[in-house]
Amino acid sequence: MPDTITIRTDDETEHALEVLTHDGVSRSAAIRQAVLETASRRERAAQMRREILRMDLGTPDGVNVADELTQDRSGER
């Protein structure tokens, strides 16, 4: 048997639950679905970060953007 979870709500949470249950879905089902969807989004975001970190950045072109900006702004002072 799954565990029971108790949450404390505030006005913002109550409003969110009203939005999620306006079509007749029970509070329990709405909360369960929200937890599952949030976990799925976090897993996808973590996977995307891992994929980005593994991307080949190619060969540096020798341009130092920080130096370029410093030179461009040196005349502003």
Protein backbone atom coordinates (compact mmCIF):
# COMPACT_ATOMS: atom_id res chain seq x y z
CA MET A 1 0.00 0.00 0.00
CA PRO A 2 1.42 3.42 -0.95
CA ASP A 3 2.29 5.92 1.74
CA THR A 4 -0.03 8.78 2.59
CA ILE A 5 1.44 12.26 2.36
CA THR A 6 0.05 15.26 4.18
CA ILE A 7 0.77 18.77 2.92
CA ARG A 8 0.15 22.18 4.42
CA THR A 9 -1.40 24.56 1.94
CA ASP A 10 -1.40 28.31 1.72
CA ASP A 11 -3.50 30.66 -0.41
CA GLU A 12 -1.27 30.18 -3.45
CA THR A 13 -1.39 26.40 -3.14
CA GLU A 14 -5.15 26.41 -2.65
CA HIS A 15 -5.55 28.51 -5.80
CA ALA A 16 -3.32 26.10 -7.73
CA LEU A 17 -5.39 23.16 -6.49
CA GLU A 18 -8.59 24.91 -7.55
CA VAL A 19 -7.13 25.35 -11.05
CA LEU A 20 -6.01 21.72 -11.19
CA THR A 21 -9.32 20.33 -9.92
CA HIS A 22 -11.78 22.60 -11.78
CA ASP A 23 -12.64 19.78 -14.19
CA GLY A 24 -13.61 17.37 -11.43
CA VAL A 25 -10.24 15.72 -10.81
CA SER A 26 -9.75 14.89 -7.14
CA ARG A 27 -7.20 16.84 -5.13
CA SER A 28 -5.26 13.63 -4.58
CA ALA A 29 -5.12 12.85 -8.31
CA ALA A 30 -4.20 16.45 -9.15
CA ILE A 31 -1.36 16.48 -6.62
CA ARG A 32 -0.11 13.07 -7.78
CA GLN A 33 -0.12 14.23 -11.44
CA ALA A 34 1.64 17.49 -10.54
CA VAL A 35 4.37 15.60 -8.69
CA LEU A 36 4.89 13.20 -11.61
CA GLU A 37 4.98 16.02 -14.18
CA THR A 38 7.42 18.06 -12.09
CA ALA A 39 9.74 15.09 -11.67
CA SER A 40 9.59 14.42 -15.41
CA ARG A 41 10.45 18.05 -16.24
CA ARG A 42 13.39 18.00 -13.83
CA GLU A 43 14.70 14.75 -15.30
CA ARG A 44 14.42 16.18 -18.84
CA ALA A 45 16.18 19.40 -17.77
CA ALA A 46 19.00 17.41 -16.14
CA GLN A 47 19.34 15.29 -19.27
CA MET A 48 19.48 18.40 -21.46
CA ARG A 49 22.19 19.89 -19.23
CA ARG A 50 24.21 16.69 -19.50
CA GLU A 51 23.84 16.69 -23.29
CA ILE A 52 24.90 20.33 -23.54
CA LEU A 53 27.95 19.70 -21.37
CA ARG A 54 28.96 16.84 -23.68
CA MET A 55 28.62 18.97 -26.84
CA ASP A 56 31.74 19.50 -28.89
CA LEU A 57 32.55 23.20 -28.75
CA GLY A 58 34.77 23.04 -31.78
CA THR A 59 38.12 24.70 -32.19
CA PRO A 60 38.64 28.08 -30.53
CA ASP A 61 38.81 30.89 -33.10
CA GLY A 62 41.33 32.94 -31.15
CA VAL A 63 38.90 35.77 -30.40
CA ASN A 64 38.75 36.80 -26.77
CA VAL A 65 35.38 38.45 -26.40
CA ALA A 66 36.22 39.96 -23.01
CA ASP A 67 39.29 41.70 -24.49
CA GLU A 68 37.24 42.91 -27.46
CA LEU A 69 34.61 44.43 -25.16
CA THR A 70 37.26 46.03 -22.96
CA GLN A 71 38.87 47.67 -25.98
CA ASP A 72 35.51 48.86 -27.31
CA ARG A 73 34.57 50.38 -23.95
CA SER A 74 37.95 51.95 -23.18
CA GLY A 75 36.89 55.09 -25.02
CA GLU A 76 33.71 55.45 -22.92
CA ARG A 77 35.54 56.60 -19.79
